[in-house]
Amino acid sequence: MARSMALVVLMFVAVIMARTTLSAAQGGSGLTPAPAPDAGAGFSLPVSAAVVASSLLLSLLALVNKN
């Protein structure tokens, strides 16, 4: 029983390896590279630094006054 199970697993692995080799051999069917991201788009803030700083300052004052 264990020997037949090992044979089935071995055949399954062989089929998977053959399929990946064949798909890698076909040149045009691979994945295309991702487009380049826009420069600086990840760091744009819709609010000014003064608004953020005043919000942090008010939160700090509220925390200090609570205790």
PDB file of N, CA and C in Angstrom:
ATOM      1  N   MET A   1       0.825  -1.195   0.000  1.00  0.00           N
ATOM      2  CA  MET A   1       0.000   0.000   0.000  1.00  0.00           C
ATOM      3  C   MET A   1       0.869   1.259   0.000  1.00  0.00           C
ATOM      4  N   ALA A   2       1.861   1.268   0.865  1.00  0.00           N
ATOM      5  CA  ALA A   2       2.726   2.446   0.951  1.00  0.00           C
ATOM      6  C   ALA A   2       3.555   2.613  -0.313  1.00  0.00           C
ATOM      7  N   ARG A   3       3.906   1.486  -0.931  1.00  0.00           N
ATOM      8  CA  ARG A   3       4.704   1.548  -2.150  1.00  0.00           C
ATOM      9  C   ARG A   3       3.893   2.137  -3.305  1.00  0.00           C
ATOM     10  N   SER A   4       2.628   1.779  -3.388  1.00  0.00           N
ATOM     11  CA  SER A   4       1.792   2.326  -4.461  1.00  0.00           C
ATOM     12  C   SER A   4       1.516   3.812  -4.225  1.00  0.00           C
ATOM     13  N   MET A   5       1.380   4.199  -2.976  1.00  0.00           N
ATOM     14  CA  MET A   5       1.178   5.615  -2.655  1.00  0.00           C
ATOM     15  C   MET A   5       2.414   6.422  -3.025  1.00  0.00           C
ATOM     16  N   ALA A   6       3.587   5.883  -2.767  1.00  0.00           N
ATOM     17  CA  ALA A   6       4.829   6.561  -3.130  1.00  0.00           C
ATOM     18  C   ALA A   6       4.942   6.689  -4.643  1.00  0.00           C
ATOM     19  N   LEU A   7       4.487   5.673  -5.376  1.00  0.00           N
ATOM     20  CA  LEU A   7       4.520   5.723  -6.828  1.00  0.00           C
ATOM     21  C   LEU A   7       3.573   6.795  -7.360  1.00  0.00           C
ATOM     22  N   VAL A   8       2.399   6.925  -6.763  1.00  0.00           N
ATOM     23  CA  VAL A   8       1.440   7.944  -7.176  1.00  0.00           C
ATOM     24  C   VAL A   8       2.005   9.336  -6.913  1.00  0.00           C
ATOM     25  N   VAL A   9       2.607   9.543  -5.768  1.00  0.00           N
ATOM     26  CA  VAL A   9       3.206  10.841  -5.433  1.00  0.00           C
ATOM     27  C   VAL A   9       4.346  11.159  -6.391  1.00  0.00           C
ATOM     28  N   LEU A  10       5.167  10.161  -6.704  1.00  0.00           N
ATOM     29  CA  LEU A  10       6.276  10.359  -7.624  1.00  0.00           C
ATOM     30  C   LEU A  10       5.772  10.730  -9.017  1.00  0.00           C
ATOM     31  N   MET A  11       4.725  10.085  -9.472  1.00  0.00           N
ATOM     32  CA  MET A  11       4.160  10.414 -10.785  1.00  0.00           C
ATOM     33  C   MET A  11       3.557  11.816 -10.786  1.00  0.00           C
ATOM     34  N   PHE A  12       2.900  12.186  -9.693  1.00  0.00           N
ATOM     35  CA  PHE A  12       2.321  13.517  -9.584  1.00  0.00           C
ATOM     36  C   PHE A  12       3.403  14.588  -9.651  1.00  0.00           C
ATOM     37  N   VAL A  13       4.488  14.381  -8.946  1.00  0.00           N
ATOM     38  CA  VAL A  13       5.605  15.334  -8.964  1.00  0.00           C
ATOM     39  C   VAL A  13       6.220  15.404 -10.361  1.00  0.00           C
ATOM     40  N   ALA A  14       6.344  14.263 -11.031  1.00  0.00           N
ATOM     41  CA  ALA A  14       6.910  14.257 -12.381  1.00  0.00           C
ATOM     42  C   ALA A  14       6.025  15.030 -13.353  1.00  0.00           C
ATOM     43  N   VAL A  15       4.710  14.879 -13.235  1.00  0.00           N
ATOM     44  CA  VAL A  15       3.794  15.611 -14.120  1.00  0.00           C
ATOM     45  C   VAL A  15       3.884  17.110 -13.858  1.00  0.00           C
ATOM     46  N   ILE A  16       3.931  17.503 -12.606  1.00  0.00           N
ATOM     47  CA  ILE A  16       4.038  18.926 -12.268  1.00  0.00           C
ATOM     48  C   ILE A  16       5.344  19.508 -12.804  1.00  0.00           C
ATOM     49  N   MET A  17       6.429  18.788 -12.648  1.00  0.00           N
ATOM     50  CA  MET A  17       7.715  19.280 -13.148  1.00  0.00           C
ATOM     51  C   MET A  17       7.713  19.392 -14.667  1.00  0.00           C
ATOM     52  N   ALA A  18       7.096  18.437 -15.354  1.00  0.00           N
ATOM     53  CA  ALA A  18       7.035  18.492 -16.810  1.00  0.00           C
ATOM     54  C   ALA A  18       6.186  19.672 -17.272  1.00  0.00           C
ATOM     55  N   ARG A  19       5.098  19.923 -16.599  1.00  0.00           N
ATOM     56  CA  ARG A  19       4.238  21.051 -16.978  1.00  0.00           C
ATOM     57  C   ARG A  19       4.948  22.384 -16.770  1.00  0.00           C
ATOM     58  N   THR A  20       5.662  22.532 -15.656  1.00  0.00           N
ATOM     59  CA  THR A  20       6.365  23.796 -15.423  1.00  0.00           C
ATOM     60  C   THR A  20       7.508  23.980 -16.411  1.00  0.00           C
ATOM     61  N   THR A  21       8.161  22.895 -16.796  1.00  0.00           N
ATOM     62  CA  THR A  21       9.235  22.998 -17.778  1.00  0.00           C
ATOM     63  C   THR A  21       8.676  23.405 -19.132  1.00  0.00           C
ATOM     64  N   LEU A  22       7.556  22.828 -19.515  1.00  0.00           N
ATOM     65  CA  LEU A  22       6.951  23.171 -20.800  1.00  0.00           C
ATOM     66  C   LEU A  22       6.439  24.604 -20.814  1.00  0.00           C
ATOM     67  N   SER A  23       5.844  25.050 -19.724  1.00  0.00           N
ATOM     68  CA  SER A  23       5.338  26.422 -19.704  1.00  0.00           C
ATOM     69  C   SER A  23       6.475  27.432 -19.661  1.00  0.00           C
ATOM     70  N   ALA A  24       7.600  27.072 -19.055  1.00  0.00           N
ATOM     71  CA  ALA A  24       8.754  27.974 -19.037  1.00  0.00           C
ATOM     72  C   ALA A  24       9.424  28.030 -20.405  1.00  0.00           C
ATOM     73  N   ALA A  25       9.317  26.950 -21.179  1.00  0.00           N
ATOM     74  CA  ALA A  25       9.947  26.919 -22.486  1.00  0.00           C
ATOM     75  C   ALA A  25       9.198  27.788 -23.497  1.00  0.00           C
ATOM     76  N   GLN A  26       7.918  28.006 -23.280  1.00  0.00           N
ATOM     77  CA  GLN A  26       7.142  28.856 -24.169  1.00  0.00           C
ATOM     78  C   GLN A  26       7.433  30.298 -23.793  1.00  0.00           C
ATOM     79  N   GLY A  27       8.095  31.010 -24.651  1.00  0.00           N
ATOM     80  CA  GLY A  27       8.614  32.331 -24.316  1.00  0.00           C
ATOM     81  C   GLY A  27       7.577  33.394 -24.043  1.00  0.00           C
ATOM     82  N   GLY A  28       6.530  33.541 -24.852  1.00  0.00           N
ATOM     83  CA  GLY A  28       5.629  34.669 -24.751  1.00  0.00           C
ATOM     84  C   GLY A  28       4.558  34.549 -23.691  1.00  0.00           C
ATOM     85  N   SER A  29       4.433  33.421 -23.038  1.00  0.00           N
ATOM     86  CA  SER A  29       3.322  33.254 -22.099  1.00  0.00           C
ATOM     87  C   SER A  29       3.690  33.588 -20.661  1.00  0.00           C
ATOM     88  N   GLY A  30       4.836  34.172 -20.417  1.00  0.00           N
ATOM     89  CA  GLY A  30       5.247  34.497 -19.053  1.00  0.00           C
ATOM     90  C   GLY A  30       4.543  35.734 -18.522  1.00  0.00           C
ATOM     91  N   LEU A  31       4.796  36.046 -17.282  1.00  0.00           N
ATOM     92  CA  LEU A  31       4.206  37.227 -16.667  1.00  0.00           C
ATOM     93  C   LEU A  31       4.903  38.487 -17.163  1.00  0.00           C
ATOM     94  N   THR A  32       4.149  39.515 -17.333  1.00  0.00           N
ATOM     95  CA  THR A  32       4.734  40.785 -17.742  1.00  0.00           C
ATOM     96  C   THR A  32       5.156  41.565 -16.508  1.00  0.00           C
ATOM     97  N   PRO A  33       6.188  42.389 -16.590  1.00  0.00           N
ATOM     98  CA  PRO A  33       6.611  43.166 -15.422  1.00  0.00           C
ATOM     99  C   PRO A  33       5.589  44.246 -15.078  1.00  0.00           C
ATOM    100  N   ALA A  34       5.551  44.602 -13.828  1.00  0.00           N
ATOM    101  CA  ALA A  34       4.632  45.638 -13.360  1.00  0.00           C
ATOM    102  C   ALA A  34       5.088  47.003 -13.865  1.00  0.00           C
ATOM    103  N   PRO A  35       4.148  47.899 -14.108  1.00  0.00           N
ATOM    104  CA  PRO A  35       4.550  49.241 -14.556  1.00  0.00           C
ATOM    105  C   PRO A  35       5.244  49.999 -13.430  1.00  0.00           C
ATOM    106  N   ALA A  36       6.076  50.930 -13.804  1.00  0.00           N
ATOM    107  CA  ALA A  36       6.810  51.722 -12.818  1.00  0.00           C
ATOM    108  C   ALA A  36       5.835  52.642 -12.072  1.00  0.00           C
ATOM    109  N   PRO A  37       5.971  52.760 -10.766  1.00  0.00           N
ATOM    110  CA  PRO A  37       5.083  53.651 -10.011  1.00  0.00           C
ATOM    111  C   PRO A  37       5.400  55.115 -10.287  1.00  0.00           C
ATOM    112  N   ASP A  38       4.424  55.961 -10.072  1.00  0.00           N
ATOM    113  CA  ASP A  38       4.647  57.390 -10.232  1.00  0.00           C
ATOM    114  C   ASP A  38       5.620  57.870  -9.159  1.00  0.00           C
ATOM    115  N   ALA A  39       6.568  58.680  -9.540  1.00  0.00           N
ATOM    116  CA  ALA A  39       7.585  59.148  -8.608  1.00  0.00           C
ATOM    117  C   ALA A  39       6.973  60.091  -7.589  1.00  0.00           C
ATOM    118  N   GLY A  40       7.120  59.769  -6.323  1.00  0.00           N
ATOM    119  CA  GLY A  40       6.650  60.631  -5.256  1.00  0.00           C
ATOM    120  C   GLY A  40       5.176  60.515  -4.942  1.00  0.00           C
ATOM    121  N   ALA A  41       4.443  59.639  -5.593  1.00  0.00           N
ATOM    122  CA  ALA A  41       3.002  59.558  -5.376  1.00  0.00           C
ATOM    123  C   ALA A  41       2.663  58.980  -4.008  1.00  0.00           C
ATOM    124  N   GLY A  42       3.562  58.193  -3.435  1.00  0.00           N
ATOM    125  CA  GLY A  42       3.277  57.577  -2.151  1.00  0.00           C
ATOM    126  C   GLY A  42       3.454  58.513  -0.972  1.00  0.00           C
ATOM    127  N   PHE A  43       4.073  59.645  -1.149  1.00  0.00           N
ATOM    128  CA  PHE A  43       4.368  60.536  -0.039  1.00  0.00           C
ATOM    129  C   PHE A  43       3.618  61.859  -0.106  1.00  0.00           C
ATOM    130  N   SER A  44       2.633  61.963  -0.983  1.00  0.00           N
ATOM    131  CA  SER A  44       1.904  63.226  -1.074  1.00  0.00           C
ATOM    132  C   SER A  44       0.876  63.305   0.049  1.00  0.00           C
ATOM    133  N   LEU A  45       0.850  64.407   0.753  1.00  0.00           N
ATOM    134  CA  LEU A  45      -0.090  64.609   1.845  1.00  0.00           C
ATOM    135  C   LEU A  45      -1.156  65.604   1.422  1.00  0.00           C
ATOM    136  N   PRO A  46      -2.433  65.272   1.627  1.00  0.00           N
ATOM    137  CA  PRO A  46      -3.481  66.212   1.241  1.00  0.00           C
ATOM    138  C   PRO A  46      -3.646  67.359   2.236  1.00  0.00           C
ATOM    139  N   VAL A  47      -3.034  67.262   3.407  1.00  0.00           N
ATOM    140  CA  VAL A  47      -3.108  68.334   4.399  1.00  0.00           C
ATOM    141  C   VAL A  47      -1.699  68.851   4.659  1.00  0.00           C
ATOM    142  N   SER A  48      -1.632  70.069   5.136  1.00  0.00           N
ATOM    143  CA  SER A  48      -0.315  70.663   5.370  1.00  0.00           C
ATOM    144  C   SER A  48       0.293  70.133   6.670  1.00  0.00           C
ATOM    145  N   ALA A  49       1.566  70.331   6.802  1.00  0.00           N
ATOM    146  CA  ALA A  49       2.271  69.883   7.996  1.00  0.00           C
ATOM    147  C   ALA A  49       1.815  70.661   9.225  1.00  0.00           C
ATOM    148  N   ALA A  50       1.377  71.903   9.046  1.00  0.00           N
ATOM    149  CA  ALA A  50       0.911  72.704  10.177  1.00  0.00           C
ATOM    150  C   ALA A  50      -0.359  72.107  10.779  1.00  0.00           C
ATOM    151  N   VAL A  51      -1.246  71.589   9.950  1.00  0.00           N
ATOM    152  CA  VAL A  51      -2.477  70.968  10.458  1.00  0.00           C
ATOM    153  C   VAL A  51      -2.145  69.709  11.245  1.00  0.00           C
ATOM    154  N   VAL A  52      -1.233  68.918  10.731  1.00  0.00           N
ATOM    155  CA  VAL A  52      -0.842  67.688  11.424  1.00  0.00           C
ATOM    156  C   VAL A  52      -0.159  68.024  12.744  1.00  0.00           C
ATOM    157  N   ALA A  53       0.741  68.998  12.734  1.00  0.00           N
ATOM    158  CA  ALA A  53       1.453  69.376  13.947  1.00  0.00           C
ATOM    159  C   ALA A  53       0.500  69.946  14.995  1.00  0.00           C
ATOM    160  N   SER A  54      -0.458  70.768  14.580  1.00  0.00           N
ATOM    161  CA  SER A  54      -1.397  71.329  15.555  1.00  0.00           C
ATOM    162  C   SER A  54      -2.304  70.246  16.126  1.00  0.00           C
ATOM    163  N   SER A  55      -2.673  69.260  15.321  1.00  0.00           N
ATOM    164  CA  SER A  55      -3.477  68.158  15.822  1.00  0.00           C
ATOM    165  C   SER A  55      -2.706  67.342  16.858  1.00  0.00           C
ATOM    166  N   LEU A  56      -1.445  67.078  16.578  1.00  0.00           N
ATOM    167  CA  LEU A  56      -0.622  66.344  17.541  1.00  0.00           C
ATOM    168  C   LEU A  56      -0.422  67.138  18.823  1.00  0.00           C
ATOM    169  N   LEU A  57      -0.221  68.441  18.704  1.00  0.00           N
ATOM    170  CA  LEU A  57      -0.032  69.288  19.878  1.00  0.00           C
ATOM    171  C   LEU A  57      -1.287  69.330  20.738  1.00  0.00           C
ATOM    172  N   LEU A  58      -2.449  69.487  20.117  1.00  0.00           N
ATOM    173  CA  LEU A  58      -3.704  69.497  20.874  1.00  0.00           C
ATOM    174  C   LEU A  58      -3.964  68.155  21.540  1.00  0.00           C
ATOM    175  N   SER A  59      -3.636  67.052  20.867  1.00  0.00           N
ATOM    176  CA  SER A  59      -3.801  65.739  21.467  1.00  0.00           C
ATOM    177  C   SER A  59      -2.881  65.556  22.660  1.00  0.00           C
ATOM    178  N   LEU A  60      -1.651  66.051  22.550  1.00  0.00           N
ATOM    179  CA  LEU A  60      -0.698  65.958  23.662  1.00  0.00           C
ATOM    180  C   LEU A  60      -1.169  66.788  24.843  1.00  0.00           C
ATOM    181  N   LEU A  61      -1.689  68.002  24.576  1.00  0.00           N
ATOM    182  CA  LEU A  61      -2.192  68.850  25.662  1.00  0.00           C
ATOM    183  C   LEU A  61      -3.407  68.204  26.331  1.00  0.00           C
ATOM    184  N   ALA A  62      -4.286  67.591  25.567  1.00  0.00           N
ATOM    185  CA  ALA A  62      -5.454  66.928  26.140  1.00  0.00           C
ATOM    186  C   ALA A  62      -5.033  65.737  26.999  1.00  0.00           C
ATOM    187  N   LEU A  63      -4.011  65.017  26.569  1.00  0.00           N
ATOM    188  CA  LEU A  63      -3.524  63.884  27.344  1.00  0.00           C
ATOM    189  C   LEU A  63      -2.886  64.339  28.648  1.00  0.00           C
ATOM    190  N   VAL A  64      -2.127  65.437  28.593  1.00  0.00           N
ATOM    191  CA  VAL A  64      -1.486  65.964  29.805  1.00  0.00           C
ATOM    192  C   VAL A  64      -2.529  66.503  30.766  1.00  0.00           C
ATOM    193  N   ASN A  65      -3.542  67.211  30.284  1.00  0.00           N
ATOM    194  CA  ASN A  65      -4.561  67.786  31.150  1.00  0.00           C
ATOM    195  C   ASN A  65      -5.448  66.726  31.784  1.00  0.00           C
ATOM    196  N   LYS A  66      -5.600  65.580  31.135  1.00  0.00           N
ATOM    197  CA  LYS A  66      -6.440  64.517  31.670  1.00  0.00           C
ATOM    198  C   LYS A  66      -5.812  63.904  32.907  1.00  0.00           C
ATOM    199  N   ASN A  67      -4.515  63.787  32.933  1.00  0.00           N
ATOM    200  CA  ASN A  67      -3.832  63.169  34.073  1.00  0.00           C
ATOM    201  C   ASN A  67      -3.455  64.255  35.013  1.00  0.00           C
TER     202      ASN A  67
END
